[in-house]
Amino acid sequence: MPWDLHVARPAEKALERIPIRDRQRILHALQAMHEDPFNGDIARLENQPTAWRRRVGDWRIFFDVYPDRLLIVVTAIRRRTSTTY
């Protein structure tokens, strides 16, 4: 059963600013998350019960998962560099 995928406005704006080649890879990853949010290179964020991140090359998709409602909320999309977090 497909999950509902909601992209928060800040993540949507970040996605618009990403170069087209990377944006296509991220959109492909979001489509895959729509079917199964626990597939791919994901990790649960520490001390946050619903928060996860998915790695797509140099980019990270941060999202919350609500299994009881089959809902995924993408909260941020950020580029990972040597100085990032």
PDB file of N, CA and C in Angstrom:
ATOM      1  N   MET A   1       0.845  -1.183   0.000  1.00  0.00           N
ATOM      2  CA  MET A   1       0.000   0.000   0.000  1.00  0.00           C
ATOM      3  C   MET A   1       0.889   1.245   0.000  1.00  0.00           C
ATOM      4  N   PRO A   2       0.653   2.178  -0.925  1.00  0.00           N
ATOM      5  CA  PRO A   2       1.487   3.376  -0.979  1.00  0.00           C
ATOM      6  C   PRO A   2       1.265   4.289   0.228  1.00  0.00           C
ATOM      7  N   TRP A   3       2.332   4.933   0.617  1.00  0.00           N
ATOM      8  CA  TRP A   3       2.297   5.894   1.712  1.00  0.00           C
ATOM      9  C   TRP A   3       1.959   7.273   1.154  1.00  0.00           C
ATOM     10  N   ASP A   4       1.366   8.116   2.000  1.00  0.00           N
ATOM     11  CA  ASP A   4       1.162   9.515   1.631  1.00  0.00           C
ATOM     12  C   ASP A   4       2.478  10.244   1.863  1.00  0.00           C
ATOM     13  N   LEU A   5       2.900  11.013   0.892  1.00  0.00           N
ATOM     14  CA  LEU A   5       4.155  11.752   0.982  1.00  0.00           C
ATOM     15  C   LEU A   5       3.850  13.238   0.941  1.00  0.00           C
ATOM     16  N   HIS A   6       4.218  13.940   1.997  1.00  0.00           N
ATOM     17  CA  HIS A   6       4.004  15.382   2.067  1.00  0.00           C
ATOM     18  C   HIS A   6       5.376  16.057   2.147  1.00  0.00           C
ATOM     19  N   VAL A   7       5.631  17.001   1.252  1.00  0.00           N
ATOM     20  CA  VAL A   7       6.888  17.750   1.265  1.00  0.00           C
ATOM     21  C   VAL A   7       6.596  19.122   1.857  1.00  0.00           C
ATOM     22  N   ALA A   8       7.217  19.410   3.002  1.00  0.00           N
ATOM     23  CA  ALA A   8       7.016  20.699   3.668  1.00  0.00           C
ATOM     24  C   ALA A   8       7.557  21.827   2.790  1.00  0.00           C
ATOM     25  N   ARG A   9       7.022  23.009   2.955  1.00  0.00           N
ATOM     26  CA  ARG A   9       7.380  24.154   2.115  1.00  0.00           C
ATOM     27  C   ARG A   9       8.890  24.445   2.104  1.00  0.00           C
ATOM     28  N   PRO A  10       9.596  24.434   3.265  1.00  0.00           N
ATOM     29  CA  PRO A  10      11.045  24.687   3.214  1.00  0.00           C
ATOM     30  C   PRO A  10      11.793  23.648   2.365  1.00  0.00           C
ATOM     31  N   ALA A  11      11.385  22.396   2.439  1.00  0.00           N
ATOM     32  CA  ALA A  11      12.018  21.347   1.635  1.00  0.00           C
ATOM     33  C   ALA A  11      11.687  21.541   0.158  1.00  0.00           C
ATOM     34  N   GLU A  12      10.484  21.967  -0.114  1.00  0.00           N
ATOM     35  CA  GLU A  12      10.062  22.234  -1.494  1.00  0.00           C
ATOM     36  C   GLU A  12      10.897  23.359  -2.108  1.00  0.00           C
ATOM     37  N   LYS A  13      11.124  24.412  -1.344  1.00  0.00           N
ATOM     38  CA  LYS A  13      11.927  25.533  -1.824  1.00  0.00           C
ATOM     39  C   LYS A  13      13.374  25.108  -2.047  1.00  0.00           C
ATOM     40  N   ALA A  14      13.906  24.293  -1.136  1.00  0.00           N
ATOM     41  CA  ALA A  14      15.276  23.802  -1.290  1.00  0.00           C
ATOM     42  C   ALA A  14      15.388  22.956  -2.554  1.00  0.00           C
ATOM     43  N   LEU A  15      14.384  22.145  -2.822  1.00  0.00           N
ATOM     44  CA  LEU A  15      14.381  21.282  -4.005  1.00  0.00           C
ATOM     45  C   LEU A  15      14.408  22.106  -5.288  1.00  0.00           C
ATOM     46  N   GLU A  16      13.739  23.240  -5.292  1.00  0.00           N
ATOM     47  CA  GLU A  16      13.718  24.112  -6.469  1.00  0.00           C
ATOM     48  C   GLU A  16      15.097  24.699  -6.781  1.00  0.00           C
ATOM     49  N   ARG A  17      15.941  24.856  -5.759  1.00  0.00           N
ATOM     50  CA  ARG A  17      17.255  25.471  -5.942  1.00  0.00           C
ATOM     51  C   ARG A  17      18.356  24.455  -6.263  1.00  0.00           C
ATOM     52  N   ILE A  18      18.042  23.175  -6.224  1.00  0.00           N
ATOM     53  CA  ILE A  18      19.029  22.126  -6.467  1.00  0.00           C
ATOM     54  C   ILE A  18      19.248  21.982  -7.972  1.00  0.00           C
ATOM     55  N   PRO A  19      20.496  21.783  -8.399  1.00  0.00           N
ATOM     56  CA  PRO A  19      20.770  21.575  -9.835  1.00  0.00           C
ATOM     57  C   PRO A  19      19.935  20.418 -10.397  1.00  0.00           C
ATOM     58  N   ILE A  20      19.558  20.525 -11.654  1.00  0.00           N
ATOM     59  CA  ILE A  20      18.597  19.615 -12.276  1.00  0.00           C
ATOM     60  C   ILE A  20      19.016  18.144 -12.184  1.00  0.00           C
ATOM     61  N   ARG A  21      20.284  17.849 -12.391  1.00  0.00           N
ATOM     62  CA  ARG A  21      20.739  16.453 -12.341  1.00  0.00           C
ATOM     63  C   ARG A  21      20.529  15.853 -10.945  1.00  0.00           C
ATOM     64  N   ASP A  22      20.908  16.603  -9.917  1.00  0.00           N
ATOM     65  CA  ASP A  22      20.708  16.130  -8.541  1.00  0.00           C
ATOM     66  C   ASP A  22      19.226  16.107  -8.183  1.00  0.00           C
ATOM     67  N   ARG A  23      18.485  17.098  -8.674  1.00  0.00           N
ATOM     68  CA  ARG A  23      17.050  17.161  -8.394  1.00  0.00           C
ATOM     69  C   ARG A  23      16.336  15.912  -8.929  1.00  0.00           C
ATOM     70  N   GLN A  24      16.726  15.457 -10.102  1.00  0.00           N
ATOM     71  CA  GLN A  24      16.103  14.258 -10.669  1.00  0.00           C
ATOM     72  C   GLN A  24      16.377  13.035  -9.802  1.00  0.00           C
ATOM     73  N   ARG A  25      17.587  12.925  -9.287  1.00  0.00           N
ATOM     74  CA  ARG A  25      17.915  11.800  -8.395  1.00  0.00           C
ATOM     75  C   ARG A  25      17.106  11.873  -7.102  1.00  0.00           C
ATOM     76  N   ILE A  26      16.948  13.073  -6.578  1.00  0.00           N
ATOM     77  CA  ILE A  26      16.183  13.242  -5.335  1.00  0.00           C
ATOM     78  C   ILE A  26      14.708  12.938  -5.588  1.00  0.00           C
ATOM     79  N   LEU A  27      14.173  13.403  -6.702  1.00  0.00           N
ATOM     80  CA  LEU A  27      12.772  13.115  -7.026  1.00  0.00           C
ATOM     81  C   LEU A  27      12.546  11.614  -7.190  1.00  0.00           C
ATOM     82  N   HIS A  28      13.517  10.927  -7.774  1.00  0.00           N
ATOM     83  CA  HIS A  28      13.427   9.473  -7.914  1.00  0.00           C
ATOM     84  C   HIS A  28      13.412   8.817  -6.523  1.00  0.00           C
ATOM     85  N   ALA A  29      14.248   9.307  -5.616  1.00  0.00           N
ATOM     86  CA  ALA A  29      14.279   8.777  -4.246  1.00  0.00           C
ATOM     87  C   ALA A  29      12.953   9.058  -3.532  1.00  0.00           C
ATOM     88  N   LEU A  30      12.375  10.232  -3.743  1.00  0.00           N
ATOM     89  CA  LEU A  30      11.088  10.551  -3.123  1.00  0.00           C
ATOM     90  C   LEU A  30       9.989   9.630  -3.644  1.00  0.00           C
ATOM     91  N   GLN A  31      10.035   9.325  -4.926  1.00  0.00           N
ATOM     92  CA  GLN A  31       9.052   8.405  -5.495  1.00  0.00           C
ATOM     93  C   GLN A  31       9.200   7.018  -4.879  1.00  0.00           C
ATOM     94  N   ALA A  32      10.429   6.581  -4.693  1.00  0.00           N
ATOM     95  CA  ALA A  32      10.670   5.279  -4.055  1.00  0.00           C
ATOM     96  C   ALA A  32      10.184   5.287  -2.611  1.00  0.00           C
ATOM     97  N   MET A  33      10.336   6.419  -1.922  1.00  0.00           N
ATOM     98  CA  MET A  33       9.866   6.528  -0.538  1.00  0.00           C
ATOM     99  C   MET A  33       8.350   6.434  -0.472  1.00  0.00           C
ATOM    100  N   HIS A  34       7.696   6.879  -1.512  1.00  0.00           N
ATOM    101  CA  HIS A  34       6.240   6.811  -1.582  1.00  0.00           C
ATOM    102  C   HIS A  34       5.768   5.357  -1.472  1.00  0.00           C
ATOM    103  N   GLU A  35       6.543   4.439  -2.031  1.00  0.00           N
ATOM    104  CA  GLU A  35       6.211   3.020  -1.972  1.00  0.00           C
ATOM    105  C   GLU A  35       6.696   2.367  -0.674  1.00  0.00           C
ATOM    106  N   ASP A  36       7.933   2.710  -0.248  1.00  0.00           N
ATOM    107  CA  ASP A  36       8.506   2.105   0.956  1.00  0.00           C
ATOM    108  C   ASP A  36       9.523   3.073   1.562  1.00  0.00           C
ATOM    109  N   PRO A  37       9.170   3.762   2.646  1.00  0.00           N
ATOM    110  CA  PRO A  37      10.078   4.759   3.220  1.00  0.00           C
ATOM    111  C   PRO A  37      11.300   4.144   3.898  1.00  0.00           C
ATOM    112  N   PHE A  38      11.304   2.834   4.128  1.00  0.00           N
ATOM    113  CA  PHE A  38      12.404   2.196   4.837  1.00  0.00           C
ATOM    114  C   PHE A  38      13.373   1.483   3.901  1.00  0.00           C
ATOM    115  N   ASN A  39      13.312   1.797   2.616  1.00  0.00           N
ATOM    116  CA  ASN A  39      14.189   1.205   1.628  1.00  0.00           C
ATOM    117  C   ASN A  39      15.248   2.232   1.243  1.00  0.00           C
ATOM    118  N   GLY A  40      16.445   1.797   0.924  1.00  0.00           N
ATOM    119  CA  GLY A  40      17.504   2.713   0.526  1.00  0.00           C
ATOM    120  C   GLY A  40      18.461   2.971   1.669  1.00  0.00           C
ATOM    121  N   ASP A  41      19.312   3.957   1.484  1.00  0.00           N
ATOM    122  CA  ASP A  41      20.323   4.304   2.484  1.00  0.00           C
ATOM    123  C   ASP A  41      19.704   5.257   3.502  1.00  0.00           C
ATOM    124  N   ILE A  42      19.061   4.695   4.514  1.00  0.00           N
ATOM    125  CA  ILE A  42      18.380   5.511   5.522  1.00  0.00           C
ATOM    126  C   ILE A  42      18.982   5.247   6.891  1.00  0.00           C
ATOM    127  N   ALA A  43      18.762   6.178   7.787  1.00  0.00           N
ATOM    128  CA  ALA A  43      19.196   6.029   9.180  1.00  0.00           C
ATOM    129  C   ALA A  43      18.244   6.825  10.058  1.00  0.00           C
ATOM    130  N   ARG A  44      17.952   6.262  11.214  1.00  0.00           N
ATOM    131  CA  ARG A  44      17.115   6.970  12.180  1.00  0.00           C
ATOM    132  C   ARG A  44      17.970   8.007  12.896  1.00  0.00           C
ATOM    133  N   LEU A  45      17.428   9.186  13.116  1.00  0.00           N
ATOM    134  CA  LEU A  45      18.152  10.230  13.822  1.00  0.00           C
ATOM    135  C   LEU A  45      18.058   9.976  15.320  1.00  0.00           C
ATOM    136  N   GLU A  46      19.145  10.206  16.010  1.00  0.00           N
ATOM    137  CA  GLU A  46      19.211   9.912  17.441  1.00  0.00           C
ATOM    138  C   GLU A  46      18.240  10.777  18.246  1.00  0.00           C
ATOM    139  N   ASN A  47      17.653  10.160  19.260  1.00  0.00           N
ATOM    140  CA  ASN A  47      16.758  10.833  20.224  1.00  0.00           C
ATOM    141  C   ASN A  47      15.539  11.480  19.585  1.00  0.00           C
ATOM    142  N   GLN A  48      15.149  11.009  18.405  1.00  0.00           N
ATOM    143  CA  GLN A  48      13.961  11.523  17.735  1.00  0.00           C
ATOM    144  C   GLN A  48      13.195  10.329  17.185  1.00  0.00           C
ATOM    145  N   PRO A  49      12.108   9.953  17.819  1.00  0.00           N
ATOM    146  CA  PRO A  49      11.441   8.689  17.482  1.00  0.00           C
ATOM    147  C   PRO A  49      10.864   8.600  16.068  1.00  0.00           C
ATOM    148  N   THR A  50      10.518   9.707  15.449  1.00  0.00           N
ATOM    149  CA  THR A  50       9.913   9.637  14.112  1.00  0.00           C
ATOM    150  C   THR A  50      10.833  10.154  13.014  1.00  0.00           C
ATOM    151  N   ALA A  51      12.011  10.687  13.366  1.00  0.00           N
ATOM    152  CA  ALA A  51      12.872  11.367  12.396  1.00  0.00           C
ATOM    153  C   ALA A  51      13.894  10.417  11.768  1.00  0.00           C
ATOM    154  N   TRP A  52      14.035  10.533  10.444  1.00  0.00           N
ATOM    155  CA  TRP A  52      14.949   9.725   9.658  1.00  0.00           C
ATOM    156  C   TRP A  52      15.663  10.614   8.669  1.00  0.00           C
ATOM    157  N   ARG A  53      16.733  10.065   8.057  1.00  0.00           N
ATOM    158  CA  ARG A  53      17.373  10.741   6.942  1.00  0.00           C
ATOM    159  C   ARG A  53      17.673   9.698   5.881  1.00  0.00           C
ATOM    160  N   ARG A  54      17.609  10.135   4.633  1.00  0.00           N
ATOM    161  CA  ARG A  54      17.955   9.268   3.503  1.00  0.00           C
ATOM    162  C   ARG A  54      19.059   9.939   2.719  1.00  0.00           C
ATOM    163  N   ARG A  55      20.088   9.185   2.388  1.00  0.00           N
ATOM    164  CA  ARG A  55      21.223   9.711   1.642  1.00  0.00           C
ATOM    165  C   ARG A  55      21.004   9.492   0.150  1.00  0.00           C
ATOM    166  N   VAL A  56      21.176  10.561  -0.612  1.00  0.00           N
ATOM    167  CA  VAL A  56      21.106  10.507  -2.071  1.00  0.00           C
ATOM    168  C   VAL A  56      22.339  11.252  -2.580  1.00  0.00           C
ATOM    169  N   GLY A  57      23.433  10.528  -2.781  1.00  0.00           N
ATOM    170  CA  GLY A  57      24.687  11.159  -3.179  1.00  0.00           C
ATOM    171  C   GLY A  57      25.164  12.111  -2.095  1.00  0.00           C
ATOM    172  N   ASP A  58      25.417  13.363  -2.468  1.00  0.00           N
ATOM    173  CA  ASP A  58      25.851  14.373  -1.499  1.00  0.00           C
ATOM    174  C   ASP A  58      24.682  15.022  -0.777  1.00  0.00           C
ATOM    175  N   TRP A  59      23.478  14.606  -1.079  1.00  0.00           N
ATOM    176  CA  TRP A  59      22.279  15.227  -0.526  1.00  0.00           C
ATOM    177  C   TRP A  59      21.654  14.345   0.541  1.00  0.00           C
ATOM    178  N   ARG A  60      20.979  14.986   1.497  1.00  0.00           N
ATOM    179  CA  ARG A  60      20.271  14.276   2.551  1.00  0.00           C
ATOM    180  C   ARG A  60      18.819  14.726   2.558  1.00  0.00           C
ATOM    181  N   ILE A  61      17.925  13.756   2.612  1.00  0.00           N
ATOM    182  CA  ILE A  61      16.496  14.030   2.735  1.00  0.00           C
ATOM    183  C   ILE A  61      16.134  13.708   4.179  1.00  0.00           C
ATOM    184  N   PHE A  62      15.671  14.704   4.908  1.00  0.00           N
ATOM    185  CA  PHE A  62      15.257  14.497   6.296  1.00  0.00           C
ATOM    186  C   PHE A  62      13.737  14.378   6.307  1.00  0.00           C
ATOM    187  N   PHE A  63      13.248  13.359   6.999  1.00  0.00           N
ATOM    188  CA  PHE A  63      11.805  13.126   6.980  1.00  0.00           C
ATOM    189  C   PHE A  63      11.336  12.467   8.263  1.00  0.00           C
ATOM    190  N   ASP A  64      10.055  12.650   8.540  1.00  0.00           N
ATOM    191  CA  ASP A  64       9.387  12.011   9.672  1.00  0.00           C
ATOM    192  C   ASP A  64       8.460  10.935   9.127  1.00  0.00           C
ATOM    193  N   VAL A  65       8.365   9.823   9.834  1.00  0.00           N
ATOM    194  CA  VAL A  65       7.515   8.713   9.425  1.00  0.00           C
ATOM    195  C   VAL A  65       6.464   8.482  10.498  1.00  0.00           C
ATOM    196  N   TYR A  66       5.208   8.393  10.070  1.00  0.00           N
ATOM    197  CA  TYR A  66       4.089   8.109  10.962  1.00  0.00           C
ATOM    198  C   TYR A  66       3.405   6.837  10.459  1.00  0.00           C
ATOM    199  N   PRO A  67       3.865   5.657  10.926  1.00  0.00           N
ATOM    200  CA  PRO A  67       3.357   4.383  10.397  1.00  0.00           C
ATOM    201  C   PRO A  67       1.864   4.159  10.639  1.00  0.00           C
ATOM    202  N   ASP A  68       1.331   4.692  11.724  1.00  0.00           N
ATOM    203  CA  ASP A  68      -0.087   4.493  12.019  1.00  0.00           C
ATOM    204  C   ASP A  68      -0.989   5.172  10.984  1.00  0.00           C
ATOM    205  N   ARG A  69      -0.478   6.239  10.332  1.00  0.00           N
ATOM    206  CA  ARG A  69      -1.256   6.948   9.310  1.00  0.00           C
ATOM    207  C   ARG A  69      -0.706   6.737   7.901  1.00  0.00           C
ATOM    208  N   LEU A  70       0.348   5.902   7.777  1.00  0.00           N
ATOM    209  CA  LEU A  70       1.032   5.705   6.495  1.00  0.00           C
ATOM    210  C   LEU A  70       1.406   7.051   5.869  1.00  0.00           C
ATOM    211  N   LEU A  71       2.054   7.896   6.681  1.00  0.00           N
ATOM    212  CA  LEU A  71       2.385   9.260   6.277  1.00  0.00           C
ATOM    213  C   LEU A  71       3.883   9.499   6.402  1.00  0.00           C
ATOM    214  N   ILE A  72       4.444  10.128   5.377  1.00  0.00           N
ATOM    215  CA  ILE A  72       5.839  10.565   5.363  1.00  0.00           C
ATOM    216  C   ILE A  72       5.826  12.078   5.170  1.00  0.00           C
ATOM    217  N   VAL A  73       6.531  12.800   6.047  1.00  0.00           N
ATOM    218  CA  VAL A  73       6.626  14.253   5.927  1.00  0.00           C
ATOM    219  C   VAL A  73       8.094  14.609   5.721  1.00  0.00           C
ATOM    220  N   VAL A  74       8.429  15.091   4.531  1.00  0.00           N
ATOM    221  CA  VAL A  74       9.794  15.522   4.229  1.00  0.00           C
ATOM    222  C   VAL A  74       9.960  16.913   4.819  1.00  0.00           C
ATOM    223  N   THR A  75      10.884  17.038   5.781  1.00  0.00           N
ATOM    224  CA  THR A  75      11.056  18.311   6.488  1.00  0.00           C
ATOM    225  C   THR A  75      12.168  19.166   5.905  1.00  0.00           C
ATOM    226  N   ALA A  76      13.201  18.520   5.333  1.00  0.00           N
ATOM    227  CA  ALA A  76      14.328  19.294   4.789  1.00  0.00           C
ATOM    228  C   ALA A  76      15.083  18.461   3.760  1.00  0.00           C
ATOM    229  N   ILE A  77      15.743  19.172   2.847  1.00  0.00           N
ATOM    230  CA  ILE A  77      16.657  18.567   1.883  1.00  0.00           C
ATOM    231  C   ILE A  77      17.908  19.438   1.911  1.00  0.00           C
ATOM    232  N   ARG A  78      19.029  18.825   2.301  1.00  0.00           N
ATOM    233  CA  ARG A  78      20.265  19.601   2.461  1.00  0.00           C
ATOM    234  C   ARG A  78      21.438  18.888   1.805  1.00  0.00           C
ATOM    235  N   ARG A  79      22.400  19.686   1.380  1.00  0.00           N
ATOM    236  CA  ARG A  79      23.620  19.127   0.797  1.00  0.00           C
ATOM    237  C   ARG A  79      24.616  18.861   1.909  1.00  0.00           C
ATOM    238  N   ARG A  80      25.254  17.719   1.837  1.00  0.00           N
ATOM    239  CA  ARG A  80      26.264  17.329   2.819  1.00  0.00           C
ATOM    240  C   ARG A  80      27.629  17.684   2.267  1.00  0.00           C
ATOM    241  N   THR A  81      28.352  18.544   2.985  1.00  0.00           N
ATOM    242  CA  THR A  81      29.717  18.904   2.606  1.00  0.00           C
ATOM    243  C   THR A  81      30.637  18.586   3.785  1.00  0.00           C
ATOM    244  N   SER A  82      31.886  18.875   3.658  1.00  0.00           N
ATOM    245  CA  SER A  82      32.829  18.594   4.747  1.00  0.00           C
ATOM    246  C   SER A  82      32.577  19.475   5.971  1.00  0.00           C
ATOM    247  N   THR A  83      31.852  20.576   5.808  1.00  0.00           N
ATOM    248  CA  THR A  83      31.576  21.451   6.938  1.00  0.00           C
ATOM    249  C   THR A  83      30.139  21.373   7.435  1.00  0.00           C
ATOM    250  N   THR A  84      29.339  20.486   6.845  1.00  0.00           N
ATOM    251  CA  THR A  84      27.937  20.370   7.219  1.00  0.00           C
ATOM    252  C   THR A  84      27.812  19.592   8.510  1.00  0.00           C
ATOM    253  N   TYR A  85      26.913  20.026   9.330  1.00  0.00           N
ATOM    254  CA  TYR A  85      26.640  19.446  10.640  1.00  0.00           C
ATOM    255  C   TYR A  85      27.768  18.586  11.049  1.00  0.00           C
TER     256      TYR A  85
END
